[in-house]
Amino acid sequence: MNRREFVSGLTAAAAFAGAAPTAAAAEGRRVALVIGNGAYGNVPALLNPPNDASDIAAALKRLGFTVSLATNASFDEMRRGLIALGRDAAGADMAALYFAGHGMEINGENWLIPIDAALKRDTDAANEAISLQSVMLQVSNTTSLGLVILDACRDNPFAVRMNRSLATRAATMGGLGRIEPTGNVLVAYAARDGTTALDGDARNSPFAAALLRNIEAPGVEVTFMFRNVRDDVMEAPRNQQQPFVYGSLSRKAIYLAGPPPAGADGAALPAVVSPAAPRGPSSTIDPALVGTWEVMVPNGRGQSRWIWEIMGDGTYRFHAEPQRSARPHEGTITAANGRWTLRALRGLSGYSDGGAYEIHDAMAMITGKLGTGAWKRSAE
């Protein structure tokens, strides 16, 4: 098992397992603005966005958000809604904006397009569209999470007919441009920067349908929820569309539908930076972690079973079933006071890892710099 295989396996294990019950769901105000624009006046209409917005608004309400819903919103309606969201978001636990409709990059800046926009020139965007930068700013003043979800990467007829005053700088690709959110803001695109999303032929777009299947799943940390959405979308249109999430959150686990109860299956804690790995055997090992643990890891042929045997003298042995899915190896491990380090000595050259852990009866929730996993205590 090489370094890439190990990282891939841990990441897959975490996505398969779900979310870690390490932090209680934050109790606080949740606010959201949901916009679905389909009835554009100057380009052909989009069928899905009003349905997507209505269904997402209902889901957010069930998750405890106070939701303002706008369908087929004009520039003034979007502007007023965004101002109100910013006021409500100040000091709230979470603030979210969901937008379905047309969006585009113009001269390095991303814009959400109201139904009354004409956009005859690229310079008209500042007066006829809503900048993504202003959206991120309005949801940034929360105590936990500012969330922006954009199903706005469709093929855009505005771009085709627009006169460009700065031709050398104007965007030539479809979709939205790459962004770098700051603070506690997370931005999810239906399709990664520079690519376009599909409308689909059902009530909802492929992205909205996948989001609706996952957003209310209890016990799934928000970043892992979007990983599940990504996989669902990529499976539906045969990898033609890849959702993408931008932003960097702290190690605090954030749950939209609440954390799982203690002892439930799953882990989805953000990765943490580890201390240096030990150089030799150590007896510094938490007795609660001693024993045999396992995790099921999805792969192209189904699932493989990874087994970790941790001894009280600070050594471990690892093997997988079937064996071809991961290379067996062994080494040293320390674990105390919620922190662990590991170093492979035989079977896997040069591998070390470390992070945090929590024990909940027959479950160990593990984070590390190369991945996250949920270990179940094995019967072996």
Protein backbone atom coordinates (compact mmCIF):
# COMPACT_ATOMS: atom_id res chain seq x y z
CA MET A 1 0.00 0.00 0.00
CA ASN A 2 1.59 3.27 -1.08
CA ARG A 3 1.05 6.71 0.47
CA ARG A 4 -1.64 7.64 -2.06
CA GLU A 5 -3.55 4.39 -1.47
CA PHE A 6 -3.46 4.96 2.28
CA VAL A 7 -4.77 8.52 2.01
CA SER A 8 -7.45 7.47 -0.47
CA GLY A 9 -8.56 4.63 1.75
CA LEU A 10 -8.86 6.75 4.88
CA THR A 11 -10.78 9.44 3.03
CA ALA A 12 -13.12 6.86 1.53
CA ALA A 13 -13.59 5.29 4.93
CA ALA A 14 -14.58 8.60 6.44
CA ALA A 15 -17.04 9.38 3.66
CA PHE A 16 -18.56 5.92 4.02
CA ALA A 17 -18.82 6.11 7.79
CA GLY A 18 -20.58 9.44 8.24
CA ALA A 19 -19.90 11.96 11.02
CA ALA A 20 -18.25 11.95 14.43
CA PRO A 21 -20.25 12.58 17.59
CA THR A 22 -17.59 14.78 19.16
CA ALA A 23 -19.42 18.07 19.40
CA ALA A 24 -22.98 18.70 20.43
CA ALA A 25 -25.12 20.48 17.87
CA ALA A 26 -24.80 24.18 18.41
CA GLU A 27 -28.01 25.68 19.62
CA GLY A 28 -28.53 29.07 18.09
CA ARG A 29 -30.21 31.11 15.46
CA ARG A 30 -30.12 29.84 11.87
CA VAL A 31 -31.13 32.08 8.98
CA ALA A 32 -31.26 31.50 5.24
CA LEU A 33 -32.12 33.21 1.97
CA VAL A 34 -33.17 30.89 -0.87
CA ILE A 35 -33.50 32.17 -4.44
CA GLY A 36 -34.62 30.28 -7.54
CA ASN A 37 -34.53 32.23 -10.80
CA GLY A 38 -35.99 30.64 -13.91
CA ALA A 39 -38.24 33.16 -15.68
CA TYR A 40 -35.51 35.27 -17.26
CA GLY A 41 -36.86 38.11 -19.38
CA ASN A 42 -34.01 38.46 -21.87
CA VAL A 43 -32.84 34.88 -22.37
CA PRO A 44 -34.65 31.50 -22.46
CA ALA A 45 -36.21 30.40 -19.18
CA LEU A 46 -34.81 27.73 -16.86
CA LEU A 47 -37.32 25.15 -15.64
CA ASN A 48 -35.68 23.73 -12.51
CA PRO A 49 -34.59 26.67 -10.31
CA PRO A 50 -38.01 27.59 -8.82
CA ASN A 51 -38.59 23.93 -7.92
CA ASP A 52 -35.07 23.58 -6.54
CA ALA A 53 -35.44 26.69 -4.40
CA SER A 54 -38.83 25.67 -3.03
CA ASP A 55 -37.63 22.19 -2.08
CA ILE A 56 -34.34 23.40 -0.55
CA ALA A 57 -36.22 26.07 1.44
CA ALA A 58 -38.49 23.40 2.90
CA ALA A 59 -35.49 21.25 3.86
CA LEU A 60 -33.74 24.18 5.55
CA LYS A 61 -36.89 24.98 7.52
CA ARG A 62 -36.95 21.40 8.79
CA LEU A 63 -33.32 21.91 9.87
CA GLY A 64 -34.31 24.87 12.03
CA PHE A 65 -33.50 27.73 9.67
CA THR A 66 -35.67 30.81 9.42
CA VAL A 67 -35.97 30.98 5.64
CA SER A 68 -36.79 33.76 3.20
CA LEU A 69 -37.76 32.33 -0.19
CA ALA A 70 -37.68 34.30 -3.43
CA THR A 71 -38.56 32.80 -6.79
CA ASN A 72 -37.92 34.64 -10.05
CA ALA A 73 -36.35 37.55 -8.20
CA SER A 74 -35.44 40.87 -9.79
CA PHE A 75 -32.25 42.77 -9.04
CA ASP A 76 -33.97 44.92 -6.41
CA GLU A 77 -35.58 41.89 -4.78
CA MET A 78 -32.26 40.03 -4.62
CA ARG A 79 -30.47 43.11 -3.26
CA ARG A 80 -33.07 43.68 -0.53
CA GLY A 81 -33.09 40.01 0.40
CA LEU A 82 -29.32 39.97 0.68
CA ILE A 83 -29.25 43.07 2.89
CA ALA A 84 -31.86 41.50 5.18
CA LEU A 85 -29.86 38.27 5.31
CA GLY A 86 -26.74 40.18 6.36
CA ARG A 87 -28.61 41.86 9.20
CA ASP A 88 -30.12 38.59 10.38
CA ALA A 89 -26.79 36.76 10.10
CA ALA A 90 -24.99 39.06 12.54
CA GLY A 91 -24.42 36.94 15.63
CA ALA A 92 -26.45 33.99 14.31
CA ASP A 93 -25.05 30.49 14.64
CA MET A 94 -25.44 29.78 10.91
CA ALA A 95 -26.40 31.79 7.85
CA ALA A 96 -26.99 30.23 4.43
CA LEU A 97 -27.74 31.41 0.93
CA TYR A 98 -28.91 29.02 -1.78
CA PHE A 99 -29.15 30.30 -5.35
CA ALA A 100 -30.37 28.42 -8.41
CA GLY A 101 -30.33 30.18 -11.75
CA HIS A 102 -27.79 31.81 -14.02
CA GLY A 103 -24.39 32.83 -12.73
CA MET A 104 -21.22 33.80 -14.54
CA GLU A 105 -17.68 35.05 -14.23
CA ILE A 106 -16.94 38.44 -15.78
CA ASN A 107 -13.44 39.89 -15.69
CA GLY A 108 -12.41 37.74 -12.74
CA GLU A 109 -15.51 38.34 -10.61
CA ASN A 110 -18.50 36.04 -10.12
CA TRP A 111 -22.07 37.28 -10.47
CA LEU A 112 -25.54 35.90 -9.67
CA ILE A 113 -28.01 37.05 -12.30
CA PRO A 114 -31.55 38.35 -11.55
CA ILE A 115 -34.39 37.68 -13.96
CA ASP A 116 -34.54 41.31 -15.20
CA ALA A 117 -30.85 41.52 -16.17
CA ALA A 118 -30.00 42.41 -19.77
CA LEU A 119 -26.19 42.38 -19.52
CA LYS A 120 -25.54 43.76 -22.98
CA ARG A 121 -21.99 44.63 -21.92
CA ASP A 122 -19.68 43.11 -19.35
CA THR A 123 -19.54 46.44 -17.51
CA ASP A 124 -23.31 46.24 -16.89
CA ALA A 125 -22.88 43.50 -14.28
CA ALA A 126 -22.18 45.92 -11.43
CA ASN A 127 -25.58 47.53 -11.98
CA GLU A 128 -27.65 44.51 -13.01
CA ALA A 129 -26.28 41.51 -11.09
CA ILE A 130 -25.26 40.51 -7.56
CA SER A 131 -21.59 39.85 -6.88
CA LEU A 132 -20.63 36.64 -5.13
CA GLN A 133 -18.17 38.62 -3.05
CA SER A 134 -21.04 40.60 -1.51
CA VAL A 135 -22.94 37.38 -0.82
CA MET A 136 -19.99 35.88 1.06
CA LEU A 137 -19.64 39.07 3.06
CA GLN A 138 -23.28 38.98 4.17
CA VAL A 139 -23.02 35.43 5.60
CA SER A 140 -19.59 35.87 7.19
CA ASN A 141 -20.59 37.44 10.51
CA THR A 142 -21.83 34.25 12.19
CA THR A 143 -20.54 32.35 15.19
CA SER A 144 -20.32 28.98 13.44
CA LEU A 145 -20.86 28.82 9.67
CA GLY A 146 -21.61 31.01 6.68
CA LEU A 147 -22.78 28.75 3.86
CA VAL A 148 -23.28 29.68 0.19
CA ILE A 149 -24.67 27.04 -2.18
CA LEU A 150 -24.75 27.87 -5.88
CA ASP A 151 -26.52 25.84 -8.55
CA ALA A 152 -25.61 28.62 -10.96
CA CYS A 153 -22.98 27.13 -13.27
CA ARG A 154 -25.21 26.38 -16.26
CA ASP A 155 -24.43 27.20 -19.89
CA ASN A 156 -25.16 30.89 -19.88
CA PRO A 157 -26.76 32.63 -22.88
CA PHE A 158 -25.81 36.04 -21.49
CA ALA A 159 -22.13 35.27 -22.06
CA VAL A 160 -22.66 34.46 -25.74
CA ARG A 161 -24.31 37.73 -26.67
CA MET A 162 -22.45 40.06 -24.32
CA ASN A 163 -20.25 42.80 -25.75
CA ARG A 164 -16.94 42.73 -23.90
CA SER A 165 -15.23 46.02 -23.25
CA LEU A 166 -12.12 44.29 -21.88
CA ALA A 167 -11.78 41.41 -24.29
CA THR A 168 -8.40 40.26 -23.09
CA ARG A 169 -9.61 39.99 -19.48
CA ALA A 170 -13.19 38.88 -19.98
CA ALA A 171 -14.06 35.32 -19.05
CA THR A 172 -14.06 32.86 -21.94
CA MET A 173 -14.96 29.69 -20.05
CA GLY A 174 -18.38 28.64 -18.86
CA GLY A 175 -19.42 28.42 -15.25
CA LEU A 176 -18.11 30.37 -12.27
CA GLY A 177 -14.53 31.29 -11.43
CA ARG A 178 -12.42 29.95 -8.60
CA ILE A 179 -12.77 31.74 -5.26
CA GLU A 180 -10.98 31.82 -1.91
CA PRO A 181 -13.49 32.33 0.93
CA THR A 182 -12.09 33.54 4.24
CA GLY A 183 -13.12 32.99 7.84
CA ASN A 184 -15.93 30.57 8.53
CA VAL A 185 -17.46 30.76 5.04
CA LEU A 186 -17.97 27.67 2.90
CA VAL A 187 -19.04 28.00 -0.75
CA ALA A 188 -20.39 25.02 -2.72
CA TYR A 189 -20.60 25.08 -6.52
CA ALA A 190 -22.82 22.68 -8.44
CA ALA A 191 -19.89 22.33 -10.85
CA ARG A 192 -16.28 23.22 -10.17
CA ASP A 193 -14.85 26.48 -11.45
CA GLY A 194 -14.63 26.81 -15.22
CA THR A 195 -17.18 24.05 -15.88
CA THR A 196 -20.94 23.97 -16.34
CA ALA A 197 -23.71 22.13 -14.50
CA LEU A 198 -26.57 20.13 -15.98
CA ASP A 199 -30.23 21.15 -15.77
CA GLY A 200 -31.51 17.58 -15.88
CA ASP A 201 -34.94 16.50 -17.04
CA ALA A 202 -36.64 15.92 -13.68
CA ARG A 203 -38.24 18.25 -11.13
CA ASN A 204 -34.83 19.15 -9.71
CA SER A 205 -31.38 19.64 -11.19
CA PRO A 206 -28.92 16.78 -10.52
CA PHE A 207 -27.12 18.91 -7.94
CA ALA A 208 -30.29 19.99 -6.12
CA ALA A 209 -31.59 16.41 -6.13
CA ALA A 210 -28.35 15.14 -4.56
CA LEU A 211 -28.37 17.97 -2.02
CA LEU A 212 -31.94 17.14 -1.03
CA ARG A 213 -30.99 13.49 -0.50
CA ASN A 214 -28.14 14.38 1.84
CA ILE A 215 -28.72 17.70 3.58
CA GLU A 216 -31.07 16.30 6.25
CA ALA A 217 -29.04 13.18 7.01
CA PRO A 218 -28.39 13.24 10.78
CA GLY A 219 -24.91 12.86 12.15
CA VAL A 220 -23.03 13.89 9.00
CA GLU A 221 -20.53 16.74 9.35
CA VAL A 222 -21.16 19.48 6.80
CA THR A 223 -17.97 18.97 4.75
CA PHE A 224 -18.65 15.25 4.50
CA MET A 225 -22.24 15.97 3.53
CA PHE A 226 -20.95 17.84 0.48
CA ARG A 227 -18.63 14.92 -0.31
CA ASN A 228 -21.67 12.68 -0.43
CA VAL A 229 -23.43 15.19 -2.69
CA ARG A 230 -20.42 15.24 -4.98
CA ASP A 231 -20.40 11.45 -5.32
CA ASP A 232 -24.15 11.34 -5.99
CA VAL A 233 -23.90 13.99 -8.71
CA MET A 234 -20.92 12.37 -10.39
CA GLU A 235 -22.69 9.03 -10.47
CA ALA A 236 -25.91 10.44 -11.96
CA PRO A 237 -24.60 12.10 -15.14
CA ARG A 238 -21.66 9.67 -15.51
CA ASN A 239 -18.98 12.03 -14.21
CA GLN A 240 -19.99 14.86 -16.52
CA GLN A 241 -20.39 17.24 -13.57
CA GLN A 242 -18.19 17.56 -10.49
CA PRO A 243 -19.46 19.69 -7.60
CA PHE A 244 -16.77 21.54 -5.70
CA VAL A 245 -16.50 23.18 -2.28
CA TYR A 246 -14.31 26.19 -1.49
CA GLY A 247 -13.28 27.40 1.95
CA SER A 248 -11.31 26.23 4.96
CA LEU A 249 -13.03 25.67 8.28
CA SER A 250 -11.55 25.04 11.71
CA ARG A 251 -11.32 21.60 13.30
CA LYS A 252 -14.70 22.10 14.99
CA ALA A 253 -17.25 19.62 13.66
CA ILE A 254 -20.34 21.37 12.24
CA TYR A 255 -23.62 19.53 11.75
CA LEU A 256 -26.68 20.76 9.89
CA ALA A 257 -28.92 17.93 11.11
CA GLY A 258 -27.29 17.37 14.50
CA PRO A 259 -24.47 15.03 15.57
CA PRO A 260 -24.99 11.28 15.98
CA PRO A 261 -25.51 9.95 19.49
CA ALA A 262 -22.48 8.73 21.40
CA GLY A 263 -21.50 5.26 20.24
CA ALA A 264 -23.22 5.54 16.87
CA ASP A 265 -21.39 4.57 13.70
CA GLY A 266 -19.55 7.31 11.89
CA ALA A 267 -16.83 9.92 11.95
CA ALA A 268 -16.40 13.14 10.11
CA LEU A 269 -14.08 15.36 12.06
CA PRO A 270 -11.86 17.76 10.16
CA ALA A 271 -8.22 16.77 9.92
CA VAL A 272 -5.77 18.18 12.44
CA VAL A 273 -2.02 18.71 12.39
CA SER A 274 -0.19 16.01 14.28
CA PRO A 275 2.93 16.04 16.45
CA ALA A 276 6.02 14.11 15.41
CA ALA A 277 5.70 10.33 15.27
CA PRO A 278 7.57 8.19 17.83
CA ARG A 279 10.94 6.69 16.92
CA GLY A 280 10.54 3.39 18.71
CA PRO A 281 8.22 1.24 20.85
CA SER A 282 6.41 3.07 23.61
CA SER A 283 4.17 2.04 26.46
CA THR A 284 2.24 5.32 26.26
CA ILE A 285 -1.04 3.89 25.06
CA ASP A 286 -4.57 4.59 26.26
CA PRO A 287 -5.98 1.26 27.54
CA ALA A 288 -9.33 2.15 25.93
CA LEU A 289 -7.66 2.03 22.51
CA VAL A 290 -5.96 -1.33 23.04
CA GLY A 291 -7.62 -4.11 21.06
CA THR A 292 -8.67 -4.93 17.51
CA TRP A 293 -10.49 -2.35 15.42
CA GLU A 294 -11.91 -2.41 11.91
CA VAL A 295 -13.34 -0.09 9.28
CA MET A 296 -15.12 -0.85 6.00
CA VAL A 297 -13.57 0.99 3.04
CA PRO A 298 -15.45 1.38 -0.28
CA ASN A 299 -13.50 0.59 -3.43
CA GLY A 300 -14.12 -0.13 -7.09
CA ARG A 301 -15.03 -3.76 -6.38
CA GLY A 302 -17.33 -3.09 -3.45
CA GLN A 303 -15.82 -2.84 0.05
CA SER A 304 -12.73 -4.02 1.84
CA ARG A 305 -12.27 -4.58 5.57
CA TRP A 306 -9.29 -2.92 7.25
CA ILE A 307 -8.22 -4.32 10.62
CA TRP A 308 -5.96 -2.58 13.15
CA GLU A 309 -4.61 -4.55 16.14
CA ILE A 310 -3.25 -2.21 18.84
CA MET A 311 -1.18 -3.71 21.64
CA GLY A 312 -0.63 -2.37 25.14
CA ASP A 313 3.13 -2.11 24.58
CA GLY A 314 2.66 0.65 21.99
CA THR A 315 2.91 -1.46 18.84
CA TYR A 316 0.29 -2.19 16.19
CA ARG A 317 -0.37 -4.54 13.29
CA PHE A 318 -2.51 -3.76 10.23
CA HIS A 319 -3.98 -5.99 7.51
CA ALA A 320 -6.87 -5.81 5.07
CA GLU A 321 -9.41 -8.25 3.64
CA PRO A 322 -9.09 -8.88 0.75
CA GLN A 323 -5.35 -8.53 1.14
CA ARG A 324 -4.85 -6.88 -2.27
CA SER A 325 -6.82 -3.81 -1.13
CA ALA A 326 -4.06 -2.58 1.23
CA ARG A 327 -0.56 -3.69 2.18
CA PRO A 328 -0.12 -5.24 5.64
CA HIS A 329 2.29 -3.41 7.92
CA GLU A 330 3.19 -2.85 11.55
CA GLY A 331 4.86 -0.24 13.69
CA THR A 332 4.56 1.85 16.84
CA ILE A 333 1.70 3.95 18.19
CA THR A 334 1.21 6.30 21.12
CA ALA A 335 -2.19 7.44 22.40
CA ALA A 336 -2.95 9.53 25.46
CA ASN A 337 -5.21 12.40 26.44
CA GLY A 338 -7.03 12.41 23.12
CA ARG A 339 -3.88 12.59 20.94
CA TRP A 340 -2.19 9.82 19.00
CA THR A 341 0.85 9.30 16.76
CA LEU A 342 1.78 6.35 14.58
CA ARG A 343 4.86 5.26 12.65
CA ALA A 344 5.15 2.26 10.34
CA LEU A 345 8.35 0.26 10.84
CA ARG A 346 7.77 -2.77 8.62
CA GLY A 347 5.73 -3.29 5.46
CA LEU A 348 5.07 0.38 4.61
CA SER A 349 8.14 2.52 4.17
CA GLY A 350 8.26 6.05 5.55
CA TYR A 351 4.65 6.35 6.71
CA SER A 352 3.76 8.28 9.87
CA ASP A 353 0.54 9.93 11.00
CA GLY A 354 -1.08 11.43 14.06
CA GLY A 355 -4.04 13.41 15.28
CA ALA A 356 -6.90 13.24 17.75
CA TYR A 357 -9.13 10.43 18.98
CA GLU A 358 -12.25 9.85 21.07
CA ILE A 359 -13.52 6.53 22.38
CA HIS A 360 -17.27 5.91 22.57
CA ASP A 361 -17.85 2.37 23.78
CA ALA A 362 -17.25 0.20 20.69
CA MET A 363 -16.38 3.15 18.45
CA ALA A 364 -13.16 5.13 18.09
CA MET A 365 -13.41 8.43 16.24
CA ILE A 366 -10.02 9.13 14.69
CA THR A 367 -8.65 12.20 12.91
CA GLY A 368 -5.24 12.52 11.32
CA LYS A 369 -3.31 14.77 8.98
CA LEU A 370 -3.81 12.32 6.08
CA GLY A 371 -7.43 11.39 6.65
CA THR A 372 -10.26 10.64 9.02
CA GLY A 373 -11.85 7.34 9.98
CA ALA A 374 -14.34 5.64 12.26
CA TRP A 375 -13.04 2.43 13.81
CA LYS A 376 -15.39 -0.21 15.20
CA ARG A 377 -14.16 -2.60 17.86
CA SER A 378 -13.73 -5.94 16.12
CA ALA A 379 -14.77 -9.35 17.35
CA GLU A 380 -11.35 -10.75 16.40
